[in-house]
Amino acid sequence: MVAKDLSVSLCGLPLKNPVVPASGTFGFGLELADTMDLNVLGGISLKGTTREARFGNPTPRIAECTAGMINSVGLQNPGIEALVTDKAPALRRIYDGVIIANISGYSVEEYAFNCARADACPAIDLLEVNVSCPNVHGGGMAFGTDPQSAAAVTQAVRAVTRKPVFIKLSPNVTDIVSIARACEDAGADGITLINTLLGMRIDIRKRKPIIANKMGGFSGPAVFPLALRMVYQVAHACAIPVMGCGGVARAEDVIEMMMAGATAVQVGAENLRNPLACPEIVQALPALMDQLGINSLQEIIGIVQ
């Protein structure tokens, strides 16, 4: 088999391969350091971070579904100062790939504050601004479902950072392209999509919702076709790169996402089912590329018109 080129470039940042564990499914990377060689990963998107530490939503906050799961964790995290002074620097000491800070907030001002702090942290390479989490009451979903609000967050963040800014969008909208274009026009360097869909399960014996918060984010293989469709639409409507996410579980899914237009591909819920999912996907890619006659992954980005 001829050596395959798995490398991609994301806003000038070189990734040895396009596989990135998605935020919220891989902790801060440190938790898996004794389980795998983190340096086989192209990048790592860290746990979503708010200004203040959050305990998250009440339990139970996980419900299994056919071909997926619902979570309502509620952005449990130690806060932005812990990210920039402890978590990210500790990961950088053992990991040489792209470190992505996933930033959330309840106001435009909080987003800007958090991103300014992340921008000042040498260990962080790229900012992923989450305007789409459906689990937290306080504005996260609203910012991502309205073009003007998404643009306002993007503009505020762009003003306080020199690092690449990706806006992570919600699929819980009727027109994903208009929101992505609004973010692009406001200065976003890239788009990550999709985040979870809003879902629900009911315990028919107890006659009440399984999740304490009633509803939560639905993810897993069942959402892959919808995620792929949105990646295709946005990648072909915008000039900025896309990181695809949603239901990715196999090397074949990575290839599909890239053919649809994704430059990098995040793996989310599958990490919770199989913590070794990402290195296994990276390992499987060269043989799959050989079967498909692909020598370099860069040549297939957006190849499907």
C-alpha atoms as a PDB file:
ATOM      1  CA  MET A   1       0.000   0.000   0.000  1.00  0.00           C
ATOM      2  CA  VAL A   2       1.336   3.416  -0.968  1.00  0.00           C
ATOM      3  CA  ALA A   3       1.806   5.739   2.010  1.00  0.00           C
ATOM      4  CA  LYS A   4      -1.263   7.885   2.497  1.00  0.00           C
ATOM      5  CA  ASP A   5      -1.326  11.573   3.394  1.00  0.00           C
ATOM      6  CA  LEU A   6      -3.835  12.101   6.187  1.00  0.00           C
ATOM      7  CA  SER A   7      -2.766  15.673   6.927  1.00  0.00           C
ATOM      8  CA  VAL A   8      -5.042  18.704   6.601  1.00  0.00           C
ATOM      9  CA  SER A   9      -4.692  22.410   7.313  1.00  0.00           C
ATOM     10  CA  LEU A  10      -7.226  24.339   9.368  1.00  0.00           C
ATOM     11  CA  CYS A  11      -6.855  28.111   9.089  1.00  0.00           C
ATOM     12  CA  GLY A  12      -3.113  27.663   8.719  1.00  0.00           C
ATOM     13  CA  LEU A  13      -2.874  25.191  11.584  1.00  0.00           C
ATOM     14  CA  PRO A  14      -1.425  21.838  10.439  1.00  0.00           C
ATOM     15  CA  LEU A  15      -3.260  18.708  11.624  1.00  0.00           C
ATOM     16  CA  LYS A  16      -1.567  15.332  11.149  1.00  0.00           C
ATOM     17  CA  ASN A  17      -5.039  13.934  10.416  1.00  0.00           C
ATOM     18  CA  PRO A  18      -8.603  15.326  10.443  1.00  0.00           C
ATOM     19  CA  VAL A  19      -9.839  13.356  13.482  1.00  0.00           C
ATOM     20  CA  VAL A  20     -10.770  15.496  16.494  1.00  0.00           C
ATOM     21  CA  PRO A  21     -12.596  14.319  19.632  1.00  0.00           C
ATOM     22  CA  ALA A  22     -15.618  16.599  20.073  1.00  0.00           C
ATOM     23  CA  SER A  23     -16.109  18.843  23.067  1.00  0.00           C
ATOM     24  CA  GLY A  24     -17.845  17.243  26.010  1.00  0.00           C
ATOM     25  CA  THR A  25     -16.912  13.698  25.008  1.00  0.00           C
ATOM     26  CA  PHE A  26     -13.186  13.671  25.786  1.00  0.00           C
ATOM     27  CA  GLY A  27     -12.873  15.776  28.946  1.00  0.00           C
ATOM     28  CA  PHE A  28      -9.756  17.940  28.793  1.00  0.00           C
ATOM     29  CA  GLY A  29      -7.789  15.184  27.080  1.00  0.00           C
ATOM     30  CA  LEU A  30      -5.818  14.515  30.258  1.00  0.00           C
ATOM     31  CA  GLU A  31      -8.360  11.939  31.421  1.00  0.00           C
ATOM     32  CA  LEU A  32      -7.482   9.672  28.462  1.00  0.00           C
ATOM     33  CA  ALA A  33      -3.710  10.157  28.534  1.00  0.00           C
ATOM     34  CA  ASP A  34      -3.095   6.837  30.298  1.00  0.00           C
ATOM     35  CA  THR A  35      -5.448   4.986  27.924  1.00  0.00           C
ATOM     36  CA  MET A  36      -4.061   5.989  24.527  1.00  0.00           C
ATOM     37  CA  ASP A  37      -1.354   7.940  22.757  1.00  0.00           C
ATOM     38  CA  LEU A  38      -3.044  11.336  22.440  1.00  0.00           C
ATOM     39  CA  ASN A  39      -0.519  12.374  19.806  1.00  0.00           C
ATOM     40  CA  VAL A  40      -2.178  10.223  17.153  1.00  0.00           C
ATOM     41  CA  LEU A  41      -5.074  12.722  17.132  1.00  0.00           C
ATOM     42  CA  GLY A  42      -5.214  15.664  14.758  1.00  0.00           C
ATOM     43  CA  GLY A  43      -6.725  17.925  17.396  1.00  0.00           C
ATOM     44  CA  ILE A  44      -8.684  17.834  20.647  1.00  0.00           C
ATOM     45  CA  SER A  45     -11.727  19.984  21.389  1.00  0.00           C
ATOM     46  CA  LEU A  46     -11.770  20.506  25.139  1.00  0.00           C
ATOM     47  CA  LYS A  47     -14.739  20.377  27.473  1.00  0.00           C
ATOM     48  CA  GLY A  48     -17.086  23.349  27.051  1.00  0.00           C
ATOM     49  CA  THR A  49     -16.094  26.198  29.349  1.00  0.00           C
ATOM     50  CA  THR A  50     -18.053  29.057  30.899  1.00  0.00           C
ATOM     51  CA  ARG A  51     -16.779  32.060  32.876  1.00  0.00           C
ATOM     52  CA  GLU A  52     -17.670  30.586  36.269  1.00  0.00           C
ATOM     53  CA  ALA A  53     -17.450  26.965  37.320  1.00  0.00           C
ATOM     54  CA  ARG A  54     -20.682  25.028  36.762  1.00  0.00           C
ATOM     55  CA  PHE A  55     -21.912  21.891  38.474  1.00  0.00           C
ATOM     56  CA  GLY A  56     -24.312  21.223  35.600  1.00  0.00           C
ATOM     57  CA  ASN A  57     -27.874  19.956  35.482  1.00  0.00           C
ATOM     58  CA  PRO A  58     -29.501  17.609  38.011  1.00  0.00           C
ATOM     59  CA  THR A  59     -29.321  13.843  37.509  1.00  0.00           C
ATOM     60  CA  PRO A  60     -30.324  11.674  35.783  1.00  0.00           C
ATOM     61  CA  ARG A  61     -28.910  13.456  32.753  1.00  0.00           C
ATOM     62  CA  ILE A  62     -28.157  10.608  30.344  1.00  0.00           C
ATOM     63  CA  ALA A  63     -30.706   8.491  28.442  1.00  0.00           C
ATOM     64  CA  GLU A  64     -29.864   5.784  25.931  1.00  0.00           C
ATOM     65  CA  CYS A  65     -31.700   5.725  22.606  1.00  0.00           C
ATOM     66  CA  THR A  66     -31.772   3.572  19.507  1.00  0.00           C
ATOM     67  CA  ALA A  67     -28.554   4.433  17.634  1.00  0.00           C
ATOM     68  CA  GLY A  68     -27.690   7.236  20.008  1.00  0.00           C
ATOM     69  CA  MET A  69     -28.090   8.915  23.368  1.00  0.00           C
ATOM     70  CA  ILE A  70     -29.558  11.999  25.017  1.00  0.00           C
ATOM     71  CA  ASN A  71     -27.478  14.053  27.428  1.00  0.00           C
ATOM     72  CA  SER A  72     -28.383  16.992  29.603  1.00  0.00           C
ATOM     73  CA  VAL A  73     -25.083  17.464  31.404  1.00  0.00           C
ATOM     74  CA  GLY A  74     -25.501  21.238  31.395  1.00  0.00           C
ATOM     75  CA  LEU A  75     -21.942  22.352  30.683  1.00  0.00           C
ATOM     76  CA  GLN A  76     -20.428  21.081  33.915  1.00  0.00           C
ATOM     77  CA  ASN A  77     -16.936  22.602  33.944  1.00  0.00           C
ATOM     78  CA  PRO A  78     -14.356  24.208  36.254  1.00  0.00           C
ATOM     79  CA  GLY A  79     -14.519  27.681  34.651  1.00  0.00           C
ATOM     80  CA  ILE A  80     -12.344  29.704  32.295  1.00  0.00           C
ATOM     81  CA  GLU A  81      -9.509  30.400  34.758  1.00  0.00           C
ATOM     82  CA  ALA A  82      -9.019  26.672  35.402  1.00  0.00           C
ATOM     83  CA  LEU A  83      -8.935  26.096  31.639  1.00  0.00           C
ATOM     84  CA  VAL A  84      -6.248  28.670  30.871  1.00  0.00           C
ATOM     85  CA  THR A  85      -4.070  28.258  33.968  1.00  0.00           C
ATOM     86  CA  ASP A  86      -4.317  24.506  34.516  1.00  0.00           C
ATOM     87  CA  LYS A  87      -6.125  22.259  32.003  1.00  0.00           C
ATOM     88  CA  ALA A  88      -4.827  23.542  28.644  1.00  0.00           C
ATOM     89  CA  PRO A  89      -1.194  24.035  29.780  1.00  0.00           C
ATOM     90  CA  ALA A  90      -1.167  20.530  31.300  1.00  0.00           C
ATOM     91  CA  LEU A  91      -2.441  19.035  28.043  1.00  0.00           C
ATOM     92  CA  ARG A  92       0.124  20.975  26.000  1.00  0.00           C
ATOM     93  CA  ARG A  93       2.927  19.414  28.007  1.00  0.00           C
ATOM     94  CA  ILE A  94       1.964  15.955  26.733  1.00  0.00           C
ATOM     95  CA  TYR A  95       0.198  16.677  23.424  1.00  0.00           C
ATOM     96  CA  ASP A  96       1.644  18.207  20.252  1.00  0.00           C
ATOM     97  CA  GLY A  97      -1.539  18.542  18.148  1.00  0.00           C
ATOM     98  CA  VAL A  98      -4.073  21.339  17.828  1.00  0.00           C
ATOM     99  CA  ILE A  99      -5.763  22.263  21.130  1.00  0.00           C
ATOM    100  CA  ILE A 100      -9.240  23.700  20.694  1.00  0.00           C
ATOM    101  CA  ALA A 101     -10.915  25.629  23.514  1.00  0.00           C
ATOM    102  CA  ASN A 102     -14.693  25.256  23.430  1.00  0.00           C
ATOM    103  CA  ILE A 103     -16.224  28.437  24.825  1.00  0.00           C
ATOM    104  CA  SER A 104     -19.780  29.074  25.964  1.00  0.00           C
ATOM    105  CA  GLY A 105     -21.537  31.955  27.682  1.00  0.00           C
ATOM    106  CA  TYR A 106     -24.814  33.532  28.734  1.00  0.00           C
ATOM    107  CA  SER A 107     -24.205  36.979  27.218  1.00  0.00           C
ATOM    108  CA  VAL A 108     -22.163  38.525  24.440  1.00  0.00           C
ATOM    109  CA  GLU A 109     -19.947  40.051  27.115  1.00  0.00           C
ATOM    110  CA  GLU A 110     -19.275  36.664  28.721  1.00  0.00           C
ATOM    111  CA  TYR A 111     -18.353  35.119  25.377  1.00  0.00           C
ATOM    112  CA  ALA A 112     -15.927  37.982  24.724  1.00  0.00           C
ATOM    113  CA  PHE A 113     -14.379  37.741  28.199  1.00  0.00           C
ATOM    114  CA  ASN A 114     -13.864  33.991  27.948  1.00  0.00           C
ATOM    115  CA  CYS A 115     -12.400  34.187  24.457  1.00  0.00           C
ATOM    116  CA  ALA A 116     -10.013  36.976  25.463  1.00  0.00           C
ATOM    117  CA  ARG A 117      -8.743  34.789  28.299  1.00  0.00           C
ATOM    118  CA  ALA A 118      -8.388  31.789  25.981  1.00  0.00           C
ATOM    119  CA  ASP A 119      -6.625  33.924  23.375  1.00  0.00           C
ATOM    120  CA  ALA A 120      -4.006  34.873  25.956  1.00  0.00           C
ATOM    121  CA  CYS A 121      -3.252  31.219  26.769  1.00  0.00           C
ATOM    122  CA  PRO A 122      -0.258  29.995  24.697  1.00  0.00           C
ATOM    123  CA  ALA A 123      -1.413  26.369  24.981  1.00  0.00           C
ATOM    124  CA  ILE A 124      -4.644  27.049  23.059  1.00  0.00           C
ATOM    125  CA  ASP A 125      -4.494  27.120  19.247  1.00  0.00           C
ATOM    126  CA  LEU A 126      -8.092  27.641  18.162  1.00  0.00           C
ATOM    127  CA  LEU A 127     -11.344  28.877  19.707  1.00  0.00           C
ATOM    128  CA  GLU A 128     -14.595  27.022  19.125  1.00  0.00           C
ATOM    129  CA  VAL A 129     -17.500  29.199  20.249  1.00  0.00           C
ATOM    130  CA  ASN A 130     -20.534  27.174  21.237  1.00  0.00           C
ATOM    131  CA  VAL A 131     -23.707  29.138  20.522  1.00  0.00           C
ATOM    132  CA  SER A 132     -25.779  25.992  20.184  1.00  0.00           C
ATOM    133  CA  CYS A 133     -25.937  23.963  23.386  1.00  0.00           C
ATOM    134  CA  PRO A 134     -29.608  23.103  24.007  1.00  0.00           C
ATOM    135  CA  ASN A 135     -29.089  21.944  27.577  1.00  0.00           C
ATOM    136  CA  VAL A 136     -28.605  25.207  29.445  1.00  0.00           C
ATOM    137  CA  HIS A 137     -31.304  27.752  30.098  1.00  0.00           C
ATOM    138  CA  GLY A 138     -29.843  31.211  29.685  1.00  0.00           C
ATOM    139  CA  GLY A 139     -29.226  32.022  26.035  1.00  0.00           C
ATOM    140  CA  GLY A 140     -26.982  29.335  24.541  1.00  0.00           C
ATOM    141  CA  MET A 141     -29.621  28.027  22.166  1.00  0.00           C
ATOM    142  CA  ALA A 142     -31.063  31.459  21.367  1.00  0.00           C
ATOM    143  CA  PHE A 143     -27.708  32.847  20.211  1.00  0.00           C
ATOM    144  CA  GLY A 144     -27.290  30.031  17.722  1.00  0.00           C
ATOM    145  CA  THR A 145     -30.796  30.017  16.295  1.00  0.00           C
ATOM    146  CA  ASP A 146     -30.875  33.638  15.126  1.00  0.00           C
ATOM    147  CA  PRO A 147     -28.486  35.044  12.479  1.00  0.00           C
ATOM    148  CA  GLN A 148     -28.235  38.466  14.134  1.00  0.00           C
ATOM    149  CA  SER A 149     -27.513  37.036  17.584  1.00  0.00           C
ATOM    150  CA  ALA A 150     -24.957  34.561  16.233  1.00  0.00           C
ATOM    151  CA  ALA A 151     -23.284  37.390  14.327  1.00  0.00           C
ATOM    152  CA  ALA A 152     -23.194  39.587  17.436  1.00  0.00           C
ATOM    153  CA  VAL A 153     -21.332  36.909  19.391  1.00  0.00           C
ATOM    154  CA  THR A 154     -18.980  36.302  16.464  1.00  0.00           C
ATOM    155  CA  GLN A 155     -18.187  39.997  16.086  1.00  0.00           C
ATOM    156  CA  ALA A 156     -17.519  40.441  19.800  1.00  0.00           C
ATOM    157  CA  VAL A 157     -15.245  37.411  19.935  1.00  0.00           C
ATOM    158  CA  ARG A 158     -13.408  38.367  16.758  1.00  0.00           C
ATOM    159  CA  ALA A 159     -12.568  41.743  18.301  1.00  0.00           C
ATOM    160  CA  VAL A 160     -10.705  40.222  21.258  1.00  0.00           C
ATOM    161  CA  THR A 161      -8.741  37.367  19.711  1.00  0.00           C
ATOM    162  CA  ARG A 162      -6.087  36.859  17.058  1.00  0.00           C
ATOM    163  CA  LYS A 163      -6.523  33.092  17.035  1.00  0.00           C
ATOM    164  CA  PRO A 164      -8.825  31.283  14.576  1.00  0.00           C
ATOM    165  CA  VAL A 165     -12.469  31.397  15.656  1.00  0.00           C
ATOM    166  CA  PHE A 166     -14.922  28.636  14.733  1.00  0.00           C
ATOM    167  CA  ILE A 167     -18.586  29.079  15.586  1.00  0.00           C
ATOM    168  CA  LYS A 168     -20.330  25.839  16.586  1.00  0.00           C
ATOM    169  CA  LEU A 169     -23.910  25.961  15.335  1.00  0.00           C
ATOM    170  CA  SER A 170     -27.136  24.306  16.398  1.00  0.00           C
ATOM    171  CA  PRO A 171     -29.082  22.011  14.044  1.00  0.00           C
ATOM    172  CA  ASN A 172     -32.315  23.046  15.772  1.00  0.00           C
ATOM    173  CA  VAL A 173     -33.057  25.635  13.076  1.00  0.00           C
ATOM    174  CA  THR A 174     -34.872  25.804   9.751  1.00  0.00           C
ATOM    175  CA  ASP A 175     -32.090  27.555   7.782  1.00  0.00           C
ATOM    176  CA  ILE A 176     -28.555  26.655   8.840  1.00  0.00           C
ATOM    177  CA  VAL A 177     -26.999  28.431   5.849  1.00  0.00           C
ATOM    178  CA  SER A 178     -28.289  31.900   6.763  1.00  0.00           C
ATOM    179  CA  ILE A 179     -26.827  31.599  10.261  1.00  0.00           C
ATOM    180  CA  ALA A 180     -23.491  30.283   8.976  1.00  0.00           C
ATOM    181  CA  ARG A 181     -23.265  33.127   6.454  1.00  0.00           C
ATOM    182  CA  ALA A 182     -24.055  35.670   9.170  1.00  0.00           C
ATOM    183  CA  CYS A 183     -21.176  34.301  11.242  1.00  0.00           C
ATOM    184  CA  GLU A 184     -18.856  34.357   8.228  1.00  0.00           C
ATOM    185  CA  ASP A 185     -19.778  37.969   7.485  1.00  0.00           C
ATOM    186  CA  ALA A 186     -19.139  38.876  11.139  1.00  0.00           C
ATOM    187  CA  GLY A 187     -15.587  37.528  10.994  1.00  0.00           C
ATOM    188  CA  ALA A 188     -15.715  33.819  11.810  1.00  0.00           C
ATOM    189  CA  ASP A 189     -12.744  31.854  10.478  1.00  0.00           C
ATOM    190  CA  GLY A 190     -14.725  28.615  10.341  1.00  0.00           C
ATOM    191  CA  ILE A 191     -17.908  26.789  11.306  1.00  0.00           C
ATOM    192  CA  THR A 192     -18.354  23.638  13.399  1.00  0.00           C
ATOM    193  CA  LEU A 193     -21.583  21.722  12.874  1.00  0.00           C
ATOM    194  CA  ILE A 194     -23.593  20.164  14.140  1.00  0.00           C
ATOM    195  CA  ASN A 195     -24.192  20.216  17.849  1.00  0.00           C
ATOM    196  CA  THR A 196     -26.872  17.955  19.310  1.00  0.00           C
ATOM    197  CA  LEU A 197     -30.525  17.940  18.363  1.00  0.00           C
ATOM    198  CA  LEU A 198     -33.125  18.453  21.059  1.00  0.00           C
ATOM    199  CA  GLY A 199     -34.598  15.119  22.134  1.00  0.00           C
ATOM    200  CA  MET A 200     -36.602  13.416  24.868  1.00  0.00           C
ATOM    201  CA  ARG A 201     -37.279   9.971  26.368  1.00  0.00           C
ATOM    202  CA  ILE A 202     -40.088   8.900  28.716  1.00  0.00           C
ATOM    203  CA  ASP A 203     -39.977   6.105  31.284  1.00  0.00           C
ATOM    204  CA  ILE A 204     -43.329   4.464  30.528  1.00  0.00           C
ATOM    205  CA  ARG A 205     -43.377   2.642  33.868  1.00  0.00           C
ATOM    206  CA  LYS A 206     -42.727   5.722  35.980  1.00  0.00           C
ATOM    207  CA  ARG A 207     -44.737   7.866  33.538  1.00  0.00           C
ATOM    208  CA  LYS A 208     -42.221  10.687  33.557  1.00  0.00           C
ATOM    209  CA  PRO A 209     -39.217  11.861  31.505  1.00  0.00           C
ATOM    210  CA  ILE A 210     -36.012   9.870  31.967  1.00  0.00           C
ATOM    211  CA  ILE A 211     -33.911  13.048  31.981  1.00  0.00           C
ATOM    212  CA  ALA A 212     -34.376  15.229  35.080  1.00  0.00           C
ATOM    213  CA  ASN A 213     -34.286  18.275  32.803  1.00  0.00           C
ATOM    214  CA  LYS A 214     -37.010  16.604  30.643  1.00  0.00           C
ATOM    215  CA  MET A 215     -35.143  17.212  27.367  1.00  0.00           C
ATOM    216  CA  GLY A 216     -31.528  17.071  26.260  1.00  0.00           C
ATOM    217  CA  GLY A 217     -29.126  16.859  23.351  1.00  0.00           C
ATOM    218  CA  PHE A 218     -29.632  13.867  21.057  1.00  0.00           C
ATOM    219  CA  SER A 219     -26.449  12.542  19.424  1.00  0.00           C
ATOM    220  CA  GLY A 220     -25.007   9.358  17.973  1.00  0.00           C
ATOM    221  CA  PRO A 221     -25.119   7.522  14.625  1.00  0.00           C
ATOM    222  CA  ALA A 222     -28.823   8.295  14.120  1.00  0.00           C
ATOM    223  CA  VAL A 223     -28.061  11.988  13.502  1.00  0.00           C
ATOM    224  CA  PHE A 224     -25.271  11.421  10.953  1.00  0.00           C
ATOM    225  CA  PRO A 225     -27.348  11.915   7.757  1.00  0.00           C
ATOM    226  CA  LEU A 226     -28.737  15.210   9.067  1.00  0.00           C
ATOM    227  CA  ALA A 227     -25.276  16.393  10.119  1.00  0.00           C
ATOM    228  CA  LEU A 228     -23.845  15.419   6.733  1.00  0.00           C
ATOM    229  CA  ARG A 229     -26.571  17.383   4.953  1.00  0.00           C
ATOM    230  CA  MET A 230     -25.822  20.520   6.975  1.00  0.00           C
ATOM    231  CA  VAL A 231     -22.067  20.192   6.463  1.00  0.00           C
ATOM    232  CA  TYR A 232     -22.668  19.915   2.721  1.00  0.00           C
ATOM    233  CA  GLN A 233     -24.969  22.944   2.652  1.00  0.00           C
ATOM    234  CA  VAL A 234     -22.703  25.215   4.683  1.00  0.00           C
ATOM    235  CA  ALA A 235     -19.434  24.109   3.062  1.00  0.00           C
ATOM    236  CA  HIS A 236     -20.855  24.921  -0.354  1.00  0.00           C
ATOM    237  CA  ALA A 237     -22.426  28.212   0.732  1.00  0.00           C
ATOM    238  CA  CYS A 238     -19.482  29.665   2.697  1.00  0.00           C
ATOM    239  CA  ALA A 239     -15.840  30.281   1.839  1.00  0.00           C
ATOM    240  CA  ILE A 240     -14.567  29.427   5.323  1.00  0.00           C
ATOM    241  CA  PRO A 241     -13.689  25.871   6.447  1.00  0.00           C
ATOM    242  CA  VAL A 242     -16.081  23.535   8.219  1.00  0.00           C
ATOM    243  CA  MET A 243     -15.445  21.011  10.973  1.00  0.00           C
ATOM    244  CA  GLY A 244     -18.050  18.266  10.602  1.00  0.00           C
ATOM    245  CA  CYS A 245     -19.566  16.659  13.669  1.00  0.00           C
ATOM    246  CA  GLY A 246     -22.605  14.524  14.434  1.00  0.00           C
ATOM    247  CA  GLY A 247     -22.916  10.759  14.507  1.00  0.00           C
ATOM    248  CA  VAL A 248     -19.380  10.056  13.281  1.00  0.00           C
ATOM    249  CA  ALA A 249     -18.391   6.547  14.394  1.00  0.00           C
ATOM    250  CA  ARG A 250     -16.238   5.015  11.625  1.00  0.00           C
ATOM    251  CA  ALA A 251     -13.508   5.877   9.170  1.00  0.00           C
ATOM    252  CA  GLU A 252     -16.165   5.718   6.439  1.00  0.00           C
ATOM    253  CA  ASP A 253     -18.058   8.529   8.175  1.00  0.00           C
ATOM    254  CA  VAL A 254     -14.940  10.699   8.169  1.00  0.00           C
ATOM    255  CA  ILE A 255     -14.541  10.205   4.418  1.00  0.00           C
ATOM    256  CA  GLU A 256     -18.216  11.053   3.833  1.00  0.00           C
ATOM    257  CA  MET A 257     -17.952  14.213   5.911  1.00  0.00           C
ATOM    258  CA  MET A 258     -14.872  15.332   4.018  1.00  0.00           C
ATOM    259  CA  MET A 259     -16.422  14.598   0.628  1.00  0.00           C
ATOM    260  CA  ALA A 260     -19.369  16.741   1.738  1.00  0.00           C
ATOM    261  CA  GLY A 261     -16.967  19.601   2.467  1.00  0.00           C
ATOM    262  CA  ALA A 262     -15.534  19.177   5.972  1.00  0.00           C
ATOM    263  CA  THR A 263     -11.838  19.941   6.429  1.00  0.00           C
ATOM    264  CA  ALA A 264     -11.698  18.251   9.843  1.00  0.00           C
ATOM    265  CA  VAL A 265     -14.113  15.811  11.460  1.00  0.00           C
ATOM    266  CA  GLN A 266     -15.081  15.591  15.105  1.00  0.00           C
ATOM    267  CA  VAL A 267     -16.082  12.382  16.860  1.00  0.00           C
ATOM    268  CA  GLY A 268     -18.531  12.844  19.731  1.00  0.00           C
ATOM    269  CA  ALA A 269     -20.922  10.313  21.249  1.00  0.00           C
ATOM    270  CA  GLU A 270     -18.893   7.379  19.919  1.00  0.00           C
ATOM    271  CA  ASN A 271     -16.112   8.318  22.372  1.00  0.00           C
ATOM    272  CA  LEU A 272     -18.523   7.665  25.235  1.00  0.00           C
ATOM    273  CA  ARG A 273     -19.399   4.233  23.851  1.00  0.00           C
ATOM    274  CA  ASN A 274     -15.799   3.401  22.961  1.00  0.00           C
ATOM    275  CA  PRO A 275     -13.060   5.624  24.453  1.00  0.00           C
ATOM    276  CA  LEU A 276     -10.626   4.314  21.812  1.00  0.00           C
ATOM    277  CA  ALA A 277     -12.873   5.287  18.897  1.00  0.00           C
ATOM    278  CA  CYS A 278     -10.676   8.143  17.645  1.00  0.00           C
ATOM    279  CA  PRO A 279      -7.347   6.278  17.453  1.00  0.00           C
ATOM    280  CA  GLU A 280      -9.163   3.311  15.889  1.00  0.00           C
ATOM    281  CA  ILE A 281     -10.620   5.584  13.202  1.00  0.00           C
ATOM    282  CA  VAL A 282      -7.203   7.134  12.514  1.00  0.00           C
ATOM    283  CA  GLN A 283      -5.692   3.662  12.212  1.00  0.00           C
ATOM    284  CA  ALA A 284      -8.432   2.520   9.810  1.00  0.00           C
ATOM    285  CA  LEU A 285      -8.188   5.498   7.457  1.00  0.00           C
ATOM    286  CA  PRO A 286      -5.129   4.505   5.345  1.00  0.00           C
ATOM    287  CA  ALA A 287      -6.542   1.093   4.354  1.00  0.00           C
ATOM    288  CA  LEU A 288      -9.906   2.659   3.519  1.00  0.00           C
ATOM    289  CA  MET A 289      -8.200   5.350   1.460  1.00  0.00           C
ATOM    290  CA  ASP A 290      -6.337   2.614  -0.415  1.00  0.00           C
ATOM    291  CA  GLN A 291      -9.620   0.845  -1.218  1.00  0.00           C
ATOM    292  CA  LEU A 292     -11.097   4.106  -2.500  1.00  0.00           C
ATOM    293  CA  GLY A 293      -8.053   5.181  -4.505  1.00  0.00           C
ATOM    294  CA  ILE A 294      -7.374   8.204  -2.299  1.00  0.00           C
ATOM    295  CA  ASN A 295      -3.756   9.197  -1.751  1.00  0.00           C
ATOM    296  CA  SER A 296      -4.338  12.447   0.153  1.00  0.00           C
ATOM    297  CA  LEU A 297      -7.373  13.433   2.210  1.00  0.00           C
ATOM    298  CA  GLN A 298      -6.964  17.029   1.074  1.00  0.00           C
ATOM    299  CA  GLU A 299      -7.945  16.033  -2.466  1.00  0.00           C
ATOM    300  CA  ILE A 300     -11.434  14.872  -1.408  1.00  0.00           C
ATOM    301  CA  ILE A 301     -12.543  17.896   0.660  1.00  0.00           C
ATOM    302  CA  GLY A 302     -15.830  19.083  -0.895  1.00  0.00           C
ATOM    303  CA  ILE A 303     -15.436  16.769  -3.893  1.00  0.00           C
ATOM    304  CA  VAL A 304     -19.172  16.018  -3.968  1.00  0.00           C
ATOM    305  CA  GLN A 305     -20.959  18.833  -5.766  1.00  0.00           C
END
